[in-house]
């Protein structure tokens, strides 16, 4: 499985960004796709995950501001981030879980929010 993430960057407080992560290497798609983030000195934390059968799961800190969606045909997961805050600054990692085999992590994309 290979992941190609894009969409990170710098934005001011209150701004918006959209992250994308395209997955390849599975002919039957993926059981779950999602985004996690990490800042220096802290553990990686869940931001949002989604499956084709259940409602999205979002961290409390991003509910009402972030939305996750998945394109089953393109095996791509999106994270729409709005009303960004300084504390959202982190490296965001895409994660996919196949129906068979182990999960895969993307290389990470940096999101910087400045006041």
N, C-alpha and C. Protein backbone atom coordinates (compact mmCIF):
# COMPACT_ATOMS: atom_id res chain seq x y z
N UNK A 1 0.84 -1.18 0.00
CA UNK A 1 0.00 0.00 0.00
C UNK A 1 0.88 1.24 0.00
N UNK A 2 0.51 2.17 -0.85
CA UNK A 2 1.22 3.44 -0.90
C UNK A 2 0.24 4.58 -0.71
N UNK A 3 0.69 5.59 0.01
CA UNK A 3 -0.14 6.75 0.28
C UNK A 3 0.52 8.01 -0.25
N UNK A 4 -0.29 8.88 -0.81
CA UNK A 4 0.18 10.17 -1.30
C UNK A 4 -0.70 11.25 -0.70
N UNK A 5 -0.13 11.96 0.26
CA UNK A 5 -0.88 13.00 0.94
C UNK A 5 -0.50 14.37 0.39
N UNK A 6 -1.44 15.28 0.45
CA UNK A 6 -1.19 16.65 -0.01
C UNK A 6 -2.16 17.60 0.69
N UNK A 7 -1.84 18.89 0.58
CA UNK A 7 -2.77 19.89 1.09
C UNK A 7 -2.32 20.63 2.32
N UNK A 8 -1.22 20.24 2.92
CA UNK A 8 -0.75 20.97 4.09
C UNK A 8 -0.24 22.35 3.71
N UNK A 9 0.04 23.14 4.72
CA UNK A 9 0.56 24.47 4.46
C UNK A 9 0.38 25.38 5.65
N UNK A 10 0.52 26.66 5.40
CA UNK A 10 0.42 27.66 6.46
C UNK A 10 -0.83 28.50 6.26
N UNK A 11 -1.47 28.80 7.35
CA UNK A 11 -2.70 29.59 7.29
C UNK A 11 -2.82 30.37 8.59
N UNK A 12 -3.57 31.44 8.54
CA UNK A 12 -3.81 32.21 9.76
C UNK A 12 -5.01 31.67 10.52
N UNK A 13 -5.08 32.03 11.76
CA UNK A 13 -6.19 31.63 12.61
C UNK A 13 -7.53 31.93 11.95
N UNK A 14 -8.41 30.94 11.98
CA UNK A 14 -9.70 31.10 11.35
C UNK A 14 -9.75 30.65 9.91
N UNK A 15 -8.60 30.35 9.34
CA UNK A 15 -8.54 29.94 7.96
C UNK A 15 -8.92 28.49 7.75
N UNK A 16 -8.81 28.05 6.52
CA UNK A 16 -9.20 26.70 6.15
C UNK A 16 -8.13 26.03 5.30
N UNK A 17 -8.07 24.74 5.41
CA UNK A 17 -7.20 23.91 4.58
C UNK A 17 -7.91 22.59 4.31
N UNK A 18 -7.55 21.97 3.21
CA UNK A 18 -8.09 20.66 2.89
C UNK A 18 -6.95 19.69 2.63
N UNK A 19 -6.90 18.63 3.38
CA UNK A 19 -5.90 17.60 3.18
C UNK A 19 -6.50 16.46 2.36
N UNK A 20 -5.66 15.89 1.51
CA UNK A 20 -6.08 14.74 0.71
C UNK A 20 -5.05 13.63 0.87
N UNK A 21 -5.51 12.42 0.79
CA UNK A 21 -4.61 11.27 0.86
C UNK A 21 -5.14 10.19 -0.06
N UNK A 22 -4.39 9.93 -1.11
CA UNK A 22 -4.78 8.92 -2.08
C UNK A 22 -4.02 7.64 -1.79
N UNK A 23 -4.75 6.55 -1.68
CA UNK A 23 -4.16 5.26 -1.38
C UNK A 23 -4.19 4.35 -2.60
N UNK A 24 -3.14 3.59 -2.75
CA UNK A 24 -3.09 2.63 -3.83
C UNK A 24 -2.52 1.32 -3.30
N UNK A 25 -2.78 0.24 -4.02
CA UNK A 25 -2.23 -1.03 -3.62
C UNK A 25 -3.25 -2.02 -3.09
N UNK A 26 -4.52 -1.65 -3.11
CA UNK A 26 -5.56 -2.57 -2.68
C UNK A 26 -6.68 -2.56 -3.70
N UNK A 27 -6.96 -3.70 -4.28
CA UNK A 27 -7.99 -3.77 -5.31
C UNK A 27 -9.39 -3.76 -4.72
N UNK A 28 -9.50 -4.01 -3.42
CA UNK A 28 -10.82 -4.06 -2.80
C UNK A 28 -11.04 -2.89 -1.85
N UNK A 29 -10.19 -1.90 -1.93
CA UNK A 29 -10.37 -0.72 -1.10
C UNK A 29 -9.84 -0.93 0.30
N UNK A 30 -10.33 -0.10 1.21
CA UNK A 30 -9.81 -0.09 2.57
C UNK A 30 -10.93 -0.10 3.58
N UNK A 31 -10.70 -0.78 4.66
CA UNK A 31 -11.71 -0.88 5.70
C UNK A 31 -11.90 0.45 6.42
N UNK A 32 -10.82 1.14 6.65
CA UNK A 32 -10.90 2.40 7.37
C UNK A 32 -9.80 3.33 6.88
N UNK A 33 -10.11 4.60 6.82
CA UNK A 33 -9.12 5.62 6.46
C UNK A 33 -9.25 6.76 7.46
N UNK A 34 -8.15 7.45 7.66
CA UNK A 34 -8.24 8.52 8.64
C UNK A 34 -7.02 9.40 8.71
N UNK A 35 -7.09 10.34 9.63
CA UNK A 35 -6.02 11.30 9.85
C UNK A 35 -5.67 11.36 11.34
N UNK A 36 -4.39 11.44 11.59
CA UNK A 36 -3.86 11.63 12.93
C UNK A 36 -2.90 12.81 12.87
N UNK A 37 -2.56 13.34 14.02
CA UNK A 37 -1.60 14.45 14.03
C UNK A 37 -0.66 14.32 15.22
N UNK A 38 0.48 14.98 15.07
CA UNK A 38 1.49 14.90 16.11
C UNK A 38 2.27 16.20 16.18
N UNK A 39 2.53 16.65 17.40
CA UNK A 39 3.39 17.80 17.63
C UNK A 39 4.61 17.33 18.41
N UNK A 40 5.69 18.09 18.35
CA UNK A 40 6.94 17.67 19.02
C UNK A 40 6.72 17.38 20.49
N UNK A 41 7.21 16.25 20.94
CA UNK A 41 7.12 15.90 22.34
C UNK A 41 5.82 15.28 22.77
N UNK A 42 4.90 15.14 21.85
CA UNK A 42 3.60 14.57 22.19
C UNK A 42 3.33 13.33 21.36
N UNK A 43 2.42 12.50 21.87
CA UNK A 43 2.05 11.31 21.14
C UNK A 43 1.14 11.67 19.95
N UNK A 44 1.19 10.81 18.98
CA UNK A 44 0.30 10.99 17.84
C UNK A 44 -1.14 10.79 18.31
N UNK A 45 -2.02 11.66 17.86
CA UNK A 45 -3.40 11.59 18.30
C UNK A 45 -4.37 11.50 17.12
N UNK A 46 -5.48 10.87 17.38
CA UNK A 46 -6.50 10.75 16.35
C UNK A 46 -7.15 12.09 16.07
N UNK A 47 -7.33 12.37 14.80
CA UNK A 47 -8.09 13.56 14.39
C UNK A 47 -9.47 13.11 13.90
N UNK A 48 -9.47 12.19 12.94
CA UNK A 48 -10.73 11.72 12.39
C UNK A 48 -10.51 10.44 11.61
N UNK A 49 -11.47 9.55 11.68
CA UNK A 49 -11.43 8.34 10.88
C UNK A 49 -12.81 8.12 10.26
N UNK A 50 -12.81 7.32 9.21
CA UNK A 50 -14.07 7.07 8.50
C UNK A 50 -14.02 5.69 7.87
N UNK A 51 -15.15 5.03 7.83
CA UNK A 51 -15.30 3.79 7.10
C UNK A 51 -16.48 3.94 6.15
N UNK A 52 -16.65 2.96 5.29
CA UNK A 52 -17.75 3.03 4.34
C UNK A 52 -19.08 2.67 4.98
N UNK A 53 -19.05 2.15 6.21
CA UNK A 53 -20.27 1.64 6.83
C UNK A 53 -20.71 2.39 8.07
N UNK A 54 -19.84 3.20 8.63
CA UNK A 54 -20.19 3.86 9.88
C UNK A 54 -20.03 5.36 9.76
N UNK A 55 -20.61 6.07 10.71
CA UNK A 55 -20.43 7.52 10.73
C UNK A 55 -18.99 7.87 11.04
N UNK A 56 -18.55 9.01 10.58
CA UNK A 56 -17.18 9.44 10.88
C UNK A 56 -16.95 9.58 12.39
N UNK A 57 -15.72 9.35 12.77
CA UNK A 57 -15.31 9.50 14.15
C UNK A 57 -14.33 10.67 14.23
N UNK A 58 -14.69 11.71 14.96
CA UNK A 58 -13.83 12.89 15.07
C UNK A 58 -13.44 13.14 16.52
N UNK A 59 -12.24 13.61 16.71
CA UNK A 59 -11.81 14.01 18.04
C UNK A 59 -12.66 15.18 18.53
N UNK A 60 -12.90 15.21 19.82
CA UNK A 60 -13.72 16.29 20.37
C UNK A 60 -13.16 17.67 20.02
N UNK A 61 -11.84 17.77 19.98
CA UNK A 61 -11.20 19.07 19.75
C UNK A 61 -11.47 19.63 18.35
N UNK A 62 -11.90 18.80 17.44
CA UNK A 62 -12.11 19.27 16.06
C UNK A 62 -13.56 19.19 15.62
N UNK A 63 -14.41 18.64 16.45
CA UNK A 63 -15.83 18.53 16.08
C UNK A 63 -16.42 19.91 15.83
N UNK A 64 -17.18 20.01 14.76
CA UNK A 64 -17.78 21.28 14.38
C UNK A 64 -16.86 22.14 13.52
N UNK A 65 -15.59 21.76 13.41
CA UNK A 65 -14.64 22.53 12.58
C UNK A 65 -14.06 21.71 11.45
N UNK A 66 -13.84 20.44 11.69
CA UNK A 66 -13.24 19.55 10.68
C UNK A 66 -14.29 18.57 10.18
N UNK A 67 -14.12 18.15 8.95
CA UNK A 67 -14.98 17.12 8.37
C UNK A 67 -14.12 16.15 7.58
N UNK A 68 -14.43 14.88 7.70
CA UNK A 68 -13.69 13.86 6.97
C UNK A 68 -14.63 13.19 5.98
N UNK A 69 -14.11 12.89 4.82
CA UNK A 69 -14.90 12.20 3.81
C UNK A 69 -14.01 11.22 3.06
N UNK A 70 -14.65 10.26 2.42
CA UNK A 70 -13.89 9.23 1.72
C UNK A 70 -14.50 8.95 0.36
N UNK A 71 -13.66 8.86 -0.63
CA UNK A 71 -14.07 8.49 -1.98
C UNK A 71 -13.69 7.03 -2.19
N UNK A 72 -14.70 6.16 -2.17
CA UNK A 72 -14.44 4.72 -2.29
C UNK A 72 -13.85 4.36 -3.63
N UNK A 73 -14.23 5.07 -4.67
CA UNK A 73 -13.77 4.74 -6.01
C UNK A 73 -12.29 5.11 -6.18
N UNK A 74 -11.93 6.28 -5.70
CA UNK A 74 -10.54 6.75 -5.83
C UNK A 74 -9.67 6.36 -4.64
N UNK A 75 -10.27 5.69 -3.66
CA UNK A 75 -9.51 5.31 -2.44
C UNK A 75 -8.78 6.52 -1.87
N UNK A 76 -9.52 7.58 -1.74
CA UNK A 76 -8.96 8.84 -1.25
C UNK A 76 -9.76 9.33 -0.05
N UNK A 77 -9.04 9.79 0.94
CA UNK A 77 -9.67 10.36 2.12
C UNK A 77 -9.32 11.84 2.20
N UNK A 78 -10.31 12.63 2.57
CA UNK A 78 -10.14 14.07 2.65
C UNK A 78 -10.40 14.54 4.08
N UNK A 79 -9.68 15.59 4.46
CA UNK A 79 -9.94 16.23 5.73
C UNK A 79 -10.11 17.72 5.47
N UNK A 80 -11.33 18.18 5.58
CA UNK A 80 -11.61 19.59 5.42
C UNK A 80 -11.52 20.26 6.78
N UNK A 81 -10.60 21.19 6.89
CA UNK A 81 -10.36 21.86 8.17
C UNK A 81 -10.76 23.32 8.05
N UNK A 82 -11.65 23.74 8.92
CA UNK A 82 -12.09 25.13 8.93
C UNK A 82 -11.90 25.71 10.33
N UNK A 83 -11.98 27.03 10.40
CA UNK A 83 -11.82 27.72 11.68
C UNK A 83 -10.57 27.21 12.41
N UNK A 84 -9.49 27.15 11.69
CA UNK A 84 -8.26 26.60 12.26
C UNK A 84 -7.74 27.46 13.41
N UNK A 85 -7.18 26.76 14.39
CA UNK A 85 -6.63 27.41 15.57
C UNK A 85 -5.14 27.12 15.66
N UNK A 86 -4.45 27.94 16.43
CA UNK A 86 -3.02 27.75 16.60
C UNK A 86 -2.72 26.33 17.10
N UNK A 87 -3.56 25.84 17.96
CA UNK A 87 -3.34 24.50 18.53
C UNK A 87 -3.57 23.37 17.53
N UNK A 88 -4.03 23.68 16.35
CA UNK A 88 -4.15 22.68 15.29
C UNK A 88 -2.83 22.48 14.56
N UNK A 89 -1.87 23.32 14.84
CA UNK A 89 -0.56 23.19 14.22
C UNK A 89 0.05 21.84 14.57
N UNK A 90 0.42 21.08 13.55
CA UNK A 90 0.95 19.74 13.76
C UNK A 90 1.35 19.14 12.42
N UNK A 91 2.01 18.01 12.50
CA UNK A 91 2.19 17.19 11.30
C UNK A 91 1.01 16.22 11.26
N UNK A 92 0.32 16.24 10.15
CA UNK A 92 -0.86 15.40 9.98
C UNK A 92 -0.48 14.16 9.17
N UNK A 93 -0.88 13.02 9.68
CA UNK A 93 -0.55 11.75 9.06
C UNK A 93 -1.81 11.04 8.58
N UNK A 94 -1.77 10.61 7.35
CA UNK A 94 -2.83 9.78 6.81
C UNK A 94 -2.62 8.34 7.27
N UNK A 95 -3.70 7.65 7.51
CA UNK A 95 -3.63 6.26 7.94
C UNK A 95 -4.72 5.47 7.24
N UNK A 96 -4.36 4.31 6.71
CA UNK A 96 -5.36 3.45 6.09
C UNK A 96 -5.24 2.04 6.64
N UNK A 97 -6.38 1.41 6.80
CA UNK A 97 -6.43 0.04 7.30
C UNK A 97 -7.09 -0.81 6.22
N UNK A 98 -6.37 -1.74 5.65
CA UNK A 98 -6.95 -2.58 4.62
C UNK A 98 -7.84 -3.66 5.22
N UNK A 99 -8.61 -4.31 4.38
CA UNK A 99 -9.42 -5.44 4.85
C UNK A 99 -8.52 -6.60 5.26
N UNK A 100 -7.40 -6.74 4.61
CA UNK A 100 -6.44 -7.77 4.96
C UNK A 100 -5.07 -7.14 5.04
N UNK A 101 -4.31 -7.47 6.04
CA UNK A 101 -2.98 -6.92 6.19
C UNK A 101 -2.92 -5.80 7.21
N UNK A 102 -1.77 -5.20 7.30
CA UNK A 102 -1.51 -4.20 8.34
C UNK A 102 -1.82 -2.79 7.85
N UNK A 103 -2.02 -1.91 8.79
CA UNK A 103 -2.26 -0.52 8.47
C UNK A 103 -1.01 0.12 7.89
N UNK A 104 -1.22 1.21 7.19
CA UNK A 104 -0.12 1.96 6.57
C UNK A 104 -0.25 3.42 6.95
N UNK A 105 0.90 4.04 7.23
CA UNK A 105 0.95 5.46 7.55
C UNK A 105 1.56 6.24 6.40
N UNK A 106 1.03 7.43 6.17
CA UNK A 106 1.62 8.33 5.19
C UNK A 106 2.83 9.02 5.75
N UNK A 107 3.48 9.83 4.91
CA UNK A 107 4.73 10.45 5.30
C UNK A 107 4.53 11.68 6.16
N UNK A 108 3.33 12.18 6.25
CA UNK A 108 3.06 13.35 7.08
C UNK A 108 3.09 14.63 6.28
N UNK A 109 2.16 15.51 6.60
CA UNK A 109 2.13 16.81 5.96
C UNK A 109 1.93 17.87 7.04
N UNK A 110 2.72 18.92 6.97
CA UNK A 110 2.74 19.93 8.02
C UNK A 110 1.64 20.96 7.82
N UNK A 111 0.91 21.20 8.90
CA UNK A 111 -0.09 22.27 8.94
C UNK A 111 0.35 23.26 10.01
N UNK A 112 0.50 24.51 9.60
CA UNK A 112 0.93 25.56 10.52
C UNK A 112 -0.13 26.64 10.56
N UNK A 113 -0.62 26.92 11.76
CA UNK A 113 -1.63 27.95 11.94
C UNK A 113 -1.03 29.05 12.81
N UNK A 114 -1.03 30.25 12.30
CA UNK A 114 -0.43 31.36 13.03
C UNK A 114 -1.50 32.41 13.37
N UNK A 115 -1.25 33.11 14.46
CA UNK A 115 -2.22 34.13 14.90
C UNK A 115 -1.93 35.48 14.28
